[in-house]
């Protein structure tokens, strides 16, 4: 895998699968554990899906997906043209059809955050991504990666629906925020 990759994709649902395939192929080819490839693919899917659902495209009409490896850390980023609200983890109740995406990102990553740049909003996440011995993409040993969390880890999932999931405006937050897992 190259040290980093940047992919410009249409602001369309088909871009989720394209990004997953390319990311998965590059990570697996570089010898990253299969379980880490899976986690990174889910994170990128959630971030792109959120950009498509809640934000405008970049001025080019696209979304930008970027990943870069720094030692055993993998940085994942999705940039869009911004929205009227700040990306934040919603309550995602058991009965809701959505609202769990950033909770999933939080559970699978070391941390995530939001950065505002001229004409773009970037949501990023950091994943621990050690290479498998021999680079064969084997499955990581038990406990070496995040798993789907027990719902008790998310007490707000049991909240009542109806709460505003996307409250706040850009002016109410710092230019970049980090949300550790």
C-alpha atoms as a PDB file:
ATOM      1  CA  UNK A   1       0.000   0.000   0.000  1.00  0.00           C
ATOM      2  CA  UNK A   2       1.138   3.487  -0.711  1.00  0.00           C
ATOM      3  CA  UNK A   3       1.696   5.693   2.314  1.00  0.00           C
ATOM      4  CA  UNK A   4      -1.571   7.452   1.438  1.00  0.00           C
ATOM      5  CA  UNK A   5      -4.409   7.446  -1.058  1.00  0.00           C
ATOM      6  CA  UNK A   6      -6.887  10.132  -2.046  1.00  0.00           C
ATOM      7  CA  UNK A   7      -9.999   9.201  -4.004  1.00  0.00           C
ATOM      8  CA  UNK A   8     -12.533  11.678  -5.406  1.00  0.00           C
ATOM      9  CA  UNK A   9     -15.921  10.027  -5.815  1.00  0.00           C
ATOM     10  CA  UNK A  10     -19.345  11.161  -7.004  1.00  0.00           C
ATOM     11  CA  UNK A  11     -21.752  12.385  -4.326  1.00  0.00           C
ATOM     12  CA  UNK A  12     -23.792   9.203  -4.915  1.00  0.00           C
ATOM     13  CA  UNK A  13     -24.603   5.977  -3.000  1.00  0.00           C
ATOM     14  CA  UNK A  14     -22.497   3.875  -5.393  1.00  0.00           C
ATOM     15  CA  UNK A  15     -19.388   5.617  -4.024  1.00  0.00           C
ATOM     16  CA  UNK A  16     -19.642   3.709  -0.739  1.00  0.00           C
ATOM     17  CA  UNK A  17     -18.920   0.352  -2.396  1.00  0.00           C
ATOM     18  CA  UNK A  18     -16.179   1.816  -4.605  1.00  0.00           C
ATOM     19  CA  UNK A  19     -14.348   3.265  -1.590  1.00  0.00           C
ATOM     20  CA  UNK A  20     -14.724   0.058   0.443  1.00  0.00           C
ATOM     21  CA  UNK A  21     -13.285  -2.079  -2.362  1.00  0.00           C
ATOM     22  CA  UNK A  22     -10.319   0.209  -2.990  1.00  0.00           C
ATOM     23  CA  UNK A  23      -9.496   0.652   0.705  1.00  0.00           C
ATOM     24  CA  UNK A  24      -9.876  -3.078   1.386  1.00  0.00           C
ATOM     25  CA  UNK A  25      -7.693  -4.001  -1.560  1.00  0.00           C
ATOM     26  CA  UNK A  26      -4.887  -1.599  -0.597  1.00  0.00           C
ATOM     27  CA  UNK A  27      -4.912  -2.552   3.087  1.00  0.00           C
ATOM     28  CA  UNK A  28      -5.039  -6.301   2.426  1.00  0.00           C
ATOM     29  CA  UNK A  29      -2.266  -5.937  -0.156  1.00  0.00           C
ATOM     30  CA  UNK A  30      -0.062  -4.258   2.435  1.00  0.00           C
ATOM     31  CA  UNK A  31      -0.493  -7.093   4.930  1.00  0.00           C
ATOM     32  CA  UNK A  32      -2.890  -5.442   7.380  1.00  0.00           C
ATOM     33  CA  UNK A  33      -4.892  -7.916   9.468  1.00  0.00           C
ATOM     34  CA  UNK A  34      -8.177  -8.905   7.843  1.00  0.00           C
ATOM     35  CA  UNK A  35     -10.137  -7.818  10.914  1.00  0.00           C
ATOM     36  CA  UNK A  36      -8.582  -4.327  10.730  1.00  0.00           C
ATOM     37  CA  UNK A  37      -9.428  -4.132   7.017  1.00  0.00           C
ATOM     38  CA  UNK A  38     -13.032  -4.970   7.942  1.00  0.00           C
ATOM     39  CA  UNK A  39     -13.160  -2.321  10.688  1.00  0.00           C
ATOM     40  CA  UNK A  40     -11.638   0.352   8.435  1.00  0.00           C
ATOM     41  CA  UNK A  41     -14.091  -0.527   5.655  1.00  0.00           C
ATOM     42  CA  UNK A  42     -17.059  -0.152   8.006  1.00  0.00           C
ATOM     43  CA  UNK A  43     -15.755   3.205   9.246  1.00  0.00           C
ATOM     44  CA  UNK A  44     -15.285   4.564   5.714  1.00  0.00           C
ATOM     45  CA  UNK A  45     -18.757   3.297   4.759  1.00  0.00           C
ATOM     46  CA  UNK A  46     -20.331   5.085   7.709  1.00  0.00           C
ATOM     47  CA  UNK A  47     -18.463   8.334   7.057  1.00  0.00           C
ATOM     48  CA  UNK A  48     -19.329   8.390   3.345  1.00  0.00           C
ATOM     49  CA  UNK A  49     -22.949   7.463   4.041  1.00  0.00           C
ATOM     50  CA  UNK A  50     -23.205  10.343   6.518  1.00  0.00           C
ATOM     51  CA  UNK A  51     -21.654  12.754   3.996  1.00  0.00           C
ATOM     52  CA  UNK A  52     -24.132  11.669   1.331  1.00  0.00           C
ATOM     53  CA  UNK A  53     -27.124  11.848   3.639  1.00  0.00           C
ATOM     54  CA  UNK A  54     -26.400  15.012   5.608  1.00  0.00           C
ATOM     55  CA  UNK A  55     -24.006  17.219   3.626  1.00  0.00           C
ATOM     56  CA  UNK A  56     -23.520  18.955   0.325  1.00  0.00           C
ATOM     57  CA  UNK A  57     -20.873  17.735  -2.103  1.00  0.00           C
ATOM     58  CA  UNK A  58     -17.569  19.551  -2.429  1.00  0.00           C
ATOM     59  CA  UNK A  59     -17.611  22.394  -4.984  1.00  0.00           C
ATOM     60  CA  UNK A  60     -16.481  19.798  -7.571  1.00  0.00           C
ATOM     61  CA  UNK A  61     -19.706  17.820  -6.946  1.00  0.00           C
ATOM     62  CA  UNK A  62     -17.776  15.021  -5.247  1.00  0.00           C
ATOM     63  CA  UNK A  63     -16.736  13.652  -1.863  1.00  0.00           C
ATOM     64  CA  UNK A  64     -13.054  13.097  -1.057  1.00  0.00           C
ATOM     65  CA  UNK A  65     -11.930   9.930   0.719  1.00  0.00           C
ATOM     66  CA  UNK A  66      -8.395   9.748   2.045  1.00  0.00           C
ATOM     67  CA  UNK A  67      -6.444   7.185   4.027  1.00  0.00           C
ATOM     68  CA  UNK A  68      -2.850   7.333   5.152  1.00  0.00           C
ATOM     69  CA  UNK A  69      -0.694   5.007   7.168  1.00  0.00           C
ATOM     70  CA  UNK A  70       1.671   6.337   9.820  1.00  0.00           C
ATOM     71  CA  UNK A  71       3.433   3.436  11.499  1.00  0.00           C
ATOM     72  CA  UNK A  72       0.761   1.223  13.041  1.00  0.00           C
ATOM     73  CA  UNK A  73      -1.931   3.899  12.762  1.00  0.00           C
ATOM     74  CA  UNK A  74      -4.305   4.339   9.856  1.00  0.00           C
ATOM     75  CA  UNK A  75      -5.970   7.726   9.360  1.00  0.00           C
ATOM     76  CA  UNK A  76      -9.281   7.671   7.494  1.00  0.00           C
ATOM     77  CA  UNK A  77     -10.939  10.877   6.246  1.00  0.00           C
ATOM     78  CA  UNK A  78     -14.068  11.787   4.316  1.00  0.00           C
ATOM     79  CA  UNK A  79     -14.523  15.390   3.154  1.00  0.00           C
ATOM     80  CA  UNK A  80     -17.707  16.982   1.856  1.00  0.00           C
ATOM     81  CA  UNK A  81     -19.080  20.461   1.251  1.00  0.00           C
ATOM     82  CA  UNK A  82     -20.488  20.798   4.758  1.00  0.00           C
ATOM     83  CA  UNK A  83     -23.971  20.938   6.205  1.00  0.00           C
ATOM     84  CA  UNK A  84     -26.084  23.178   8.404  1.00  0.00           C
ATOM     85  CA  UNK A  85     -25.294  20.982  11.420  1.00  0.00           C
ATOM     86  CA  UNK A  86     -22.137  19.627  13.022  1.00  0.00           C
ATOM     87  CA  UNK A  87     -21.406  15.896  12.691  1.00  0.00           C
ATOM     88  CA  UNK A  88     -21.953  14.310  16.103  1.00  0.00           C
ATOM     89  CA  UNK A  89     -22.925  10.973  17.531  1.00  0.00           C
ATOM     90  CA  UNK A  90     -26.710  10.722  17.747  1.00  0.00           C
ATOM     91  CA  UNK A  91     -28.742   8.743  20.247  1.00  0.00           C
ATOM     92  CA  UNK A  92     -29.683   6.002  17.735  1.00  0.00           C
ATOM     93  CA  UNK A  93     -32.527   4.361  19.626  1.00  0.00           C
ATOM     94  CA  UNK A  94     -33.309   0.668  19.267  1.00  0.00           C
ATOM     95  CA  UNK A  95     -36.400   1.511  17.225  1.00  0.00           C
ATOM     96  CA  UNK A  96     -34.777   4.126  14.981  1.00  0.00           C
ATOM     97  CA  UNK A  97     -33.754   3.357  11.415  1.00  0.00           C
ATOM     98  CA  UNK A  98     -30.556   5.405  11.687  1.00  0.00           C
ATOM     99  CA  UNK A  99     -28.442   7.458  14.056  1.00  0.00           C
ATOM    100  CA  UNK A 100     -25.872   4.806  14.942  1.00  0.00           C
ATOM    101  CA  UNK A 101     -23.157   5.609  12.362  1.00  0.00           C
ATOM    102  CA  UNK A 102     -20.819   7.768  14.433  1.00  0.00           C
ATOM    103  CA  UNK A 103     -21.372   5.486  17.437  1.00  0.00           C
ATOM    104  CA  UNK A 104     -20.078   2.633  15.283  1.00  0.00           C
ATOM    105  CA  UNK A 105     -17.132   4.795  14.152  1.00  0.00           C
ATOM    106  CA  UNK A 106     -16.409   5.615  17.798  1.00  0.00           C
ATOM    107  CA  UNK A 107     -16.526   1.947  18.817  1.00  0.00           C
ATOM    108  CA  UNK A 108     -14.221   0.743  16.015  1.00  0.00           C
ATOM    109  CA  UNK A 109     -11.645   3.552  16.127  1.00  0.00           C
ATOM    110  CA  UNK A 110      -9.079   4.967  18.509  1.00  0.00           C
ATOM    111  CA  UNK A 111     -10.834   8.322  18.106  1.00  0.00           C
ATOM    112  CA  UNK A 112     -12.586  10.531  15.577  1.00  0.00           C
ATOM    113  CA  UNK A 113     -13.205  14.199  14.991  1.00  0.00           C
ATOM    114  CA  UNK A 114     -14.288  16.967  12.666  1.00  0.00           C
ATOM    115  CA  UNK A 115     -12.123  19.520  10.868  1.00  0.00           C
ATOM    116  CA  UNK A 116     -13.406  22.527   8.933  1.00  0.00           C
ATOM    117  CA  UNK A 117     -11.410  23.846   5.984  1.00  0.00           C
ATOM    118  CA  UNK A 118     -12.210  26.378   3.282  1.00  0.00           C
ATOM    119  CA  UNK A 119     -15.256  24.956   1.487  1.00  0.00           C
ATOM    120  CA  UNK A 120     -15.012  21.528   3.130  1.00  0.00           C
ATOM    121  CA  UNK A 121     -15.849  19.613   6.278  1.00  0.00           C
ATOM    122  CA  UNK A 122     -13.697  16.570   7.019  1.00  0.00           C
ATOM    123  CA  UNK A 123     -14.671  13.817   9.428  1.00  0.00           C
ATOM    124  CA  UNK A 124     -11.686  11.670  10.382  1.00  0.00           C
ATOM    125  CA  UNK A 125     -11.011   8.530  12.391  1.00  0.00           C
ATOM    126  CA  UNK A 126      -7.840   6.791  13.568  1.00  0.00           C
ATOM    127  CA  UNK A 127      -7.536   2.981  13.561  1.00  0.00           C
ATOM    128  CA  UNK A 128      -4.710   0.909  15.002  1.00  0.00           C
ATOM    129  CA  UNK A 129      -3.513  -1.136  12.015  1.00  0.00           C
ATOM    130  CA  UNK A 130      -0.542  -3.400  12.690  1.00  0.00           C
ATOM    131  CA  UNK A 131       0.703  -5.505   9.811  1.00  0.00           C
ATOM    132  CA  UNK A 132       0.195  -9.242  10.006  1.00  0.00           C
ATOM    133  CA  UNK A 133       3.424 -11.273  10.272  1.00  0.00           C
ATOM    134  CA  UNK A 134       4.403 -12.227   6.739  1.00  0.00           C
ATOM    135  CA  UNK A 135       1.848  -9.795   5.306  1.00  0.00           C
ATOM    136  CA  UNK A 136      -0.697 -12.472   4.440  1.00  0.00           C
ATOM    137  CA  UNK A 137      -3.800 -10.681   5.730  1.00  0.00           C
ATOM    138  CA  UNK A 138      -4.460 -13.381   8.307  1.00  0.00           C
ATOM    139  CA  UNK A 139      -7.078 -12.892  10.999  1.00  0.00           C
ATOM    140  CA  UNK A 140      -5.838 -10.943  14.028  1.00  0.00           C
ATOM    141  CA  UNK A 141      -5.381 -12.751  17.323  1.00  0.00           C
ATOM    142  CA  UNK A 142      -8.239 -12.553  19.808  1.00  0.00           C
ATOM    143  CA  UNK A 143      -8.599  -9.099  21.328  1.00  0.00           C
ATOM    144  CA  UNK A 144      -6.431  -7.381  18.714  1.00  0.00           C
ATOM    145  CA  UNK A 145      -9.244  -5.317  17.197  1.00  0.00           C
ATOM    146  CA  UNK A 146     -12.570  -3.767  18.068  1.00  0.00           C
ATOM    147  CA  UNK A 147     -15.718  -5.871  17.966  1.00  0.00           C
ATOM    148  CA  UNK A 148     -19.368  -4.937  17.808  1.00  0.00           C
ATOM    149  CA  UNK A 149     -20.036  -3.432  21.240  1.00  0.00           C
ATOM    150  CA  UNK A 150     -22.526  -4.707  23.767  1.00  0.00           C
ATOM    151  CA  UNK A 151     -25.507  -2.305  23.741  1.00  0.00           C
ATOM    152  CA  UNK A 152     -24.889  -1.573  27.417  1.00  0.00           C
ATOM    153  CA  UNK A 153     -21.841   0.382  26.197  1.00  0.00           C
ATOM    154  CA  UNK A 154     -24.313   2.849  24.650  1.00  0.00           C
ATOM    155  CA  UNK A 155     -26.819   3.811  27.351  1.00  0.00           C
ATOM    156  CA  UNK A 156     -28.207   6.542  25.088  1.00  0.00           C
ATOM    157  CA  UNK A 157     -29.454   3.882  22.649  1.00  0.00           C
ATOM    158  CA  UNK A 158     -32.267   3.297  25.110  1.00  0.00           C
ATOM    159  CA  UNK A 159     -33.362   6.956  25.058  1.00  0.00           C
ATOM    160  CA  UNK A 160     -36.752   7.872  23.682  1.00  0.00           C
ATOM    161  CA  UNK A 161     -36.912   8.847  20.001  1.00  0.00           C
ATOM    162  CA  UNK A 162     -37.712  12.412  19.039  1.00  0.00           C
ATOM    163  CA  UNK A 163     -34.575  14.119  20.329  1.00  0.00           C
ATOM    164  CA  UNK A 164     -32.899  16.375  17.758  1.00  0.00           C
ATOM    165  CA  UNK A 165     -30.134  14.203  16.273  1.00  0.00           C
ATOM    166  CA  UNK A 166     -28.327  17.014  14.490  1.00  0.00           C
ATOM    167  CA  UNK A 167     -28.458  19.994  16.835  1.00  0.00           C
ATOM    168  CA  UNK A 168     -26.019  22.866  16.838  1.00  0.00           C
ATOM    169  CA  UNK A 169     -24.358  24.953  14.180  1.00  0.00           C
ATOM    170  CA  UNK A 170     -20.782  25.304  12.994  1.00  0.00           C
ATOM    171  CA  UNK A 171     -20.320  28.517  14.943  1.00  0.00           C
ATOM    172  CA  UNK A 172     -20.949  26.651  18.200  1.00  0.00           C
ATOM    173  CA  UNK A 173     -17.980  24.274  17.858  1.00  0.00           C
ATOM    174  CA  UNK A 174     -14.219  24.511  17.578  1.00  0.00           C
ATOM    175  CA  UNK A 175     -12.713  24.133  14.100  1.00  0.00           C
ATOM    176  CA  UNK A 176     -11.536  20.608  14.984  1.00  0.00           C
ATOM    177  CA  UNK A 177     -12.804  18.282  17.672  1.00  0.00           C
ATOM    178  CA  UNK A 178     -11.571  14.867  18.685  1.00  0.00           C
ATOM    179  CA  UNK A 179     -13.745  12.177  20.173  1.00  0.00           C
ATOM    180  CA  UNK A 180     -11.663   9.430  21.771  1.00  0.00           C
ATOM    181  CA  UNK A 181     -13.074   5.942  21.873  1.00  0.00           C
END
